[in-house]
Amino acid sequence: MAFLIHRRFSLGPVVSMADPNATRRHTVTNSRLLATALVAVLASGTFAHAQTAPVPPAPPFMDVTMLLKHLSSLGFGDVREIERKSDKLYEVTARDAEGLRWEMSVDARTGEILRKEPD
């Protein structure tokens, strides 16, 4: 006579009193199922992470030739002095199209004029 105990609304195994190893078989099966699900979840997270776009590197600083071309395009001609203060900053003394002499702080990466004072 097979006597079954079954818990409704649970994920637990069906226990059979006629088969004492039934619980063990269900536990092993559930462990394998859980391990497979865990591997699938971890693998999907790894693939999602691998698909993210890499952060673009910071642009390198402009060399003196590039800086001269850029200043020329902004209307500065007679460049008297260029001093690189750091990886991010140049100090420049130059004349504009009207002949006025300017002392400027220029961003070494973008060429943006950060400060401009008459000299």
C-alpha atoms as a PDB file:
ATOM      1  CA  MET A   1       0.000   0.000   0.000  1.00  0.00           C
ATOM      2  CA  ALA A   2       1.501   3.288  -1.052  1.00  0.00           C
ATOM      3  CA  PHE A   3       0.842   6.116   1.346  1.00  0.00           C
ATOM      4  CA  LEU A   4       1.626   9.575  -0.064  1.00  0.00           C
ATOM      5  CA  ILE A   5       2.078  12.832   1.798  1.00  0.00           C
ATOM      6  CA  HIS A   6       1.914  15.863  -0.444  1.00  0.00           C
ATOM      7  CA  ARG A   7       2.259  19.505   0.584  1.00  0.00           C
ATOM      8  CA  ARG A   8       0.168  21.761  -1.607  1.00  0.00           C
ATOM      9  CA  PHE A   9       1.518  25.081  -2.812  1.00  0.00           C
ATOM     10  CA  SER A  10       5.119  24.211  -2.034  1.00  0.00           C
ATOM     11  CA  LEU A  11       8.163  23.390  -4.066  1.00  0.00           C
ATOM     12  CA  GLY A  12       9.033  20.469  -1.818  1.00  0.00           C
ATOM     13  CA  PRO A  13       9.166  16.885  -3.076  1.00  0.00           C
ATOM     14  CA  VAL A  14       6.360  14.366  -2.912  1.00  0.00           C
ATOM     15  CA  VAL A  15       7.325  11.892  -0.188  1.00  0.00           C
ATOM     16  CA  SER A  16       6.352   8.296  -0.596  1.00  0.00           C
ATOM     17  CA  MET A  17       6.366   6.090   2.469  1.00  0.00           C
ATOM     18  CA  ALA A  18       6.635   3.066   0.187  1.00  0.00           C
ATOM     19  CA  ASP A  19       9.979   4.318  -1.214  1.00  0.00           C
ATOM     20  CA  PRO A  20      12.329   5.662   1.516  1.00  0.00           C
ATOM     21  CA  ASN A  21      14.884   6.893  -1.090  1.00  0.00           C
ATOM     22  CA  ALA A  22      12.332   9.069  -2.896  1.00  0.00           C
ATOM     23  CA  THR A  23      13.230  12.136  -0.825  1.00  0.00           C
ATOM     24  CA  ARG A  24      16.910  11.708  -1.568  1.00  0.00           C
ATOM     25  CA  ARG A  25      16.282  11.357  -5.319  1.00  0.00           C
ATOM     26  CA  HIS A  26      14.145  14.501  -5.304  1.00  0.00           C
ATOM     27  CA  THR A  27      16.799  16.398  -3.338  1.00  0.00           C
ATOM     28  CA  VAL A  28      19.527  15.419  -5.817  1.00  0.00           C
ATOM     29  CA  THR A  29      17.293  16.354  -8.753  1.00  0.00           C
ATOM     30  CA  ASN A  30      16.401  19.682  -7.144  1.00  0.00           C
ATOM     31  CA  SER A  31      20.087  20.389  -6.435  1.00  0.00           C
ATOM     32  CA  ARG A  32      20.992  19.736 -10.057  1.00  0.00           C
ATOM     33  CA  LEU A  33      18.142  21.936 -11.242  1.00  0.00           C
ATOM     34  CA  LEU A  34      19.222  24.716  -8.875  1.00  0.00           C
ATOM     35  CA  ALA A  35      22.864  24.440 -10.008  1.00  0.00           C
ATOM     36  CA  THR A  36      21.829  24.597 -13.678  1.00  0.00           C
ATOM     37  CA  ALA A  37      19.654  27.647 -13.043  1.00  0.00           C
ATOM     38  CA  LEU A  38      22.474  29.345 -11.121  1.00  0.00           C
ATOM     39  CA  VAL A  39      24.937  28.762 -13.973  1.00  0.00           C
ATOM     40  CA  ALA A  40      22.418  30.148 -16.481  1.00  0.00           C
ATOM     41  CA  VAL A  41      21.836  33.293 -14.401  1.00  0.00           C
ATOM     42  CA  LEU A  42      25.547  33.917 -13.915  1.00  0.00           C
ATOM     43  CA  ALA A  43      26.292  33.357 -17.606  1.00  0.00           C
ATOM     44  CA  SER A  44      23.567  35.749 -18.725  1.00  0.00           C
ATOM     45  CA  GLY A  45      24.975  38.437 -16.425  1.00  0.00           C
ATOM     46  CA  THR A  46      28.431  37.932 -17.900  1.00  0.00           C
ATOM     47  CA  PHE A  47      27.136  38.277 -21.457  1.00  0.00           C
ATOM     48  CA  ALA A  48      25.178  41.399 -20.579  1.00  0.00           C
ATOM     49  CA  HIS A  49      28.278  42.898 -19.003  1.00  0.00           C
ATOM     50  CA  ALA A  50      30.376  42.053 -22.052  1.00  0.00           C
ATOM     51  CA  GLN A  51      27.973  43.936 -24.316  1.00  0.00           C
ATOM     52  CA  THR A  52      28.288  47.300 -22.552  1.00  0.00           C
ATOM     53  CA  ALA A  53      30.086  49.980 -24.520  1.00  0.00           C
ATOM     54  CA  PRO A  54      33.625  50.711 -23.362  1.00  0.00           C
ATOM     55  CA  VAL A  55      34.405  54.148 -22.004  1.00  0.00           C
ATOM     56  CA  PRO A  56      36.283  56.093 -24.664  1.00  0.00           C
ATOM     57  CA  PRO A  57      39.760  57.169 -23.596  1.00  0.00           C
ATOM     58  CA  ALA A  58      40.401  60.813 -22.852  1.00  0.00           C
ATOM     59  CA  PRO A  59      41.625  62.639 -25.938  1.00  0.00           C
ATOM     60  CA  PRO A  60      45.371  63.177 -25.953  1.00  0.00           C
ATOM     61  CA  PHE A  61      46.701  66.677 -25.510  1.00  0.00           C
ATOM     62  CA  MET A  62      47.282  68.834 -28.580  1.00  0.00           C
ATOM     63  CA  ASP A  63      50.895  69.150 -29.628  1.00  0.00           C
ATOM     64  CA  VAL A  64      52.323  72.600 -30.425  1.00  0.00           C
ATOM     65  CA  THR A  65      51.706  72.260 -34.185  1.00  0.00           C
ATOM     66  CA  MET A  66      48.049  71.379 -33.657  1.00  0.00           C
ATOM     67  CA  LEU A  67      47.696  74.214 -31.145  1.00  0.00           C
ATOM     68  CA  LEU A  68      49.182  76.740 -33.608  1.00  0.00           C
ATOM     69  CA  LYS A  69      46.736  75.619 -36.330  1.00  0.00           C
ATOM     70  CA  HIS A  70      43.839  75.856 -33.899  1.00  0.00           C
ATOM     71  CA  LEU A  71      44.817  79.347 -32.696  1.00  0.00           C
ATOM     72  CA  SER A  72      45.222  80.439 -36.312  1.00  0.00           C
ATOM     73  CA  SER A  73      41.684  79.235 -37.075  1.00  0.00           C
ATOM     74  CA  LEU A  74      40.459  81.370 -34.143  1.00  0.00           C
ATOM     75  CA  GLY A  75      42.117  84.482 -35.597  1.00  0.00           C
ATOM     76  CA  PHE A  76      45.364  84.596 -33.608  1.00  0.00           C
ATOM     77  CA  GLY A  77      48.452  85.045 -35.744  1.00  0.00           C
ATOM     78  CA  ASP A  78      51.723  86.203 -34.246  1.00  0.00           C
ATOM     79  CA  VAL A  79      52.257  83.633 -31.474  1.00  0.00           C
ATOM     80  CA  ARG A  80      55.135  84.799 -29.282  1.00  0.00           C
ATOM     81  CA  GLU A  81      55.180  82.201 -26.538  1.00  0.00           C
ATOM     82  CA  ILE A  82      53.682  78.790 -25.780  1.00  0.00           C
ATOM     83  CA  GLU A  83      54.333  77.246 -22.390  1.00  0.00           C
ATOM     84  CA  ARG A  84      52.870  73.913 -21.361  1.00  0.00           C
ATOM     85  CA  LYS A  85      51.876  74.243 -17.712  1.00  0.00           C
ATOM     86  CA  SER A  86      50.494  70.718 -17.262  1.00  0.00           C
ATOM     87  CA  ASP A  87      48.859  67.859 -19.175  1.00  0.00           C
ATOM     88  CA  LYS A  88      45.719  69.976 -19.273  1.00  0.00           C
ATOM     89  CA  LEU A  89      46.898  73.546 -19.807  1.00  0.00           C
ATOM     90  CA  TYR A  90      48.950  75.746 -22.141  1.00  0.00           C
ATOM     91  CA  GLU A  91      49.860  79.394 -21.466  1.00  0.00           C
ATOM     92  CA  VAL A  92      49.984  81.281 -24.793  1.00  0.00           C
ATOM     93  CA  THR A  93      50.956  84.836 -25.732  1.00  0.00           C
ATOM     94  CA  ALA A  94      49.701  85.833 -29.207  1.00  0.00           C
ATOM     95  CA  ARG A  95      48.326  88.707 -31.290  1.00  0.00           C
ATOM     96  CA  ASP A  96      44.853  88.738 -32.780  1.00  0.00           C
ATOM     97  CA  ALA A  97      43.820  89.992 -36.249  1.00  0.00           C
ATOM     98  CA  GLU A  98      43.611  93.597 -34.955  1.00  0.00           C
ATOM     99  CA  GLY A  99      47.173  93.447 -33.620  1.00  0.00           C
ATOM    100  CA  LEU A 100      46.224  93.323 -29.919  1.00  0.00           C
ATOM    101  CA  ARG A 101      48.498  91.137 -27.789  1.00  0.00           C
ATOM    102  CA  TRP A 102      46.747  88.578 -25.554  1.00  0.00           C
ATOM    103  CA  GLU A 103      47.858  86.235 -22.788  1.00  0.00           C
ATOM    104  CA  MET A 104      45.668  83.136 -22.734  1.00  0.00           C
ATOM    105  CA  SER A 105      45.181  79.877 -20.868  1.00  0.00           C
ATOM    106  CA  VAL A 106      44.248  77.181 -23.378  1.00  0.00           C
ATOM    107  CA  ASP A 107      42.903  73.699 -22.630  1.00  0.00           C
ATOM    108  CA  ALA A 108      45.597  71.298 -23.895  1.00  0.00           C
ATOM    109  CA  ARG A 109      43.079  68.613 -24.918  1.00  0.00           C
ATOM    110  CA  THR A 110      40.327  70.619 -26.630  1.00  0.00           C
ATOM    111  CA  GLY A 111      42.002  73.916 -27.544  1.00  0.00           C
ATOM    112  CA  GLU A 112      39.289  75.866 -25.730  1.00  0.00           C
ATOM    113  CA  ILE A 113      40.436  79.280 -24.493  1.00  0.00           C
ATOM    114  CA  LEU A 114      39.821  79.207 -20.746  1.00  0.00           C
ATOM    115  CA  ARG A 115      41.186  82.662 -19.885  1.00  0.00           C
ATOM    116  CA  LYS A 116      42.073  85.623 -22.114  1.00  0.00           C
ATOM    117  CA  GLU A 117      43.653  88.870 -20.857  1.00  0.00           C
ATOM    118  CA  PRO A 118      45.290  91.746 -22.726  1.00  0.00           C
ATOM    119  CA  ASP A 119      49.079  91.674 -22.336  1.00  0.00           C
END
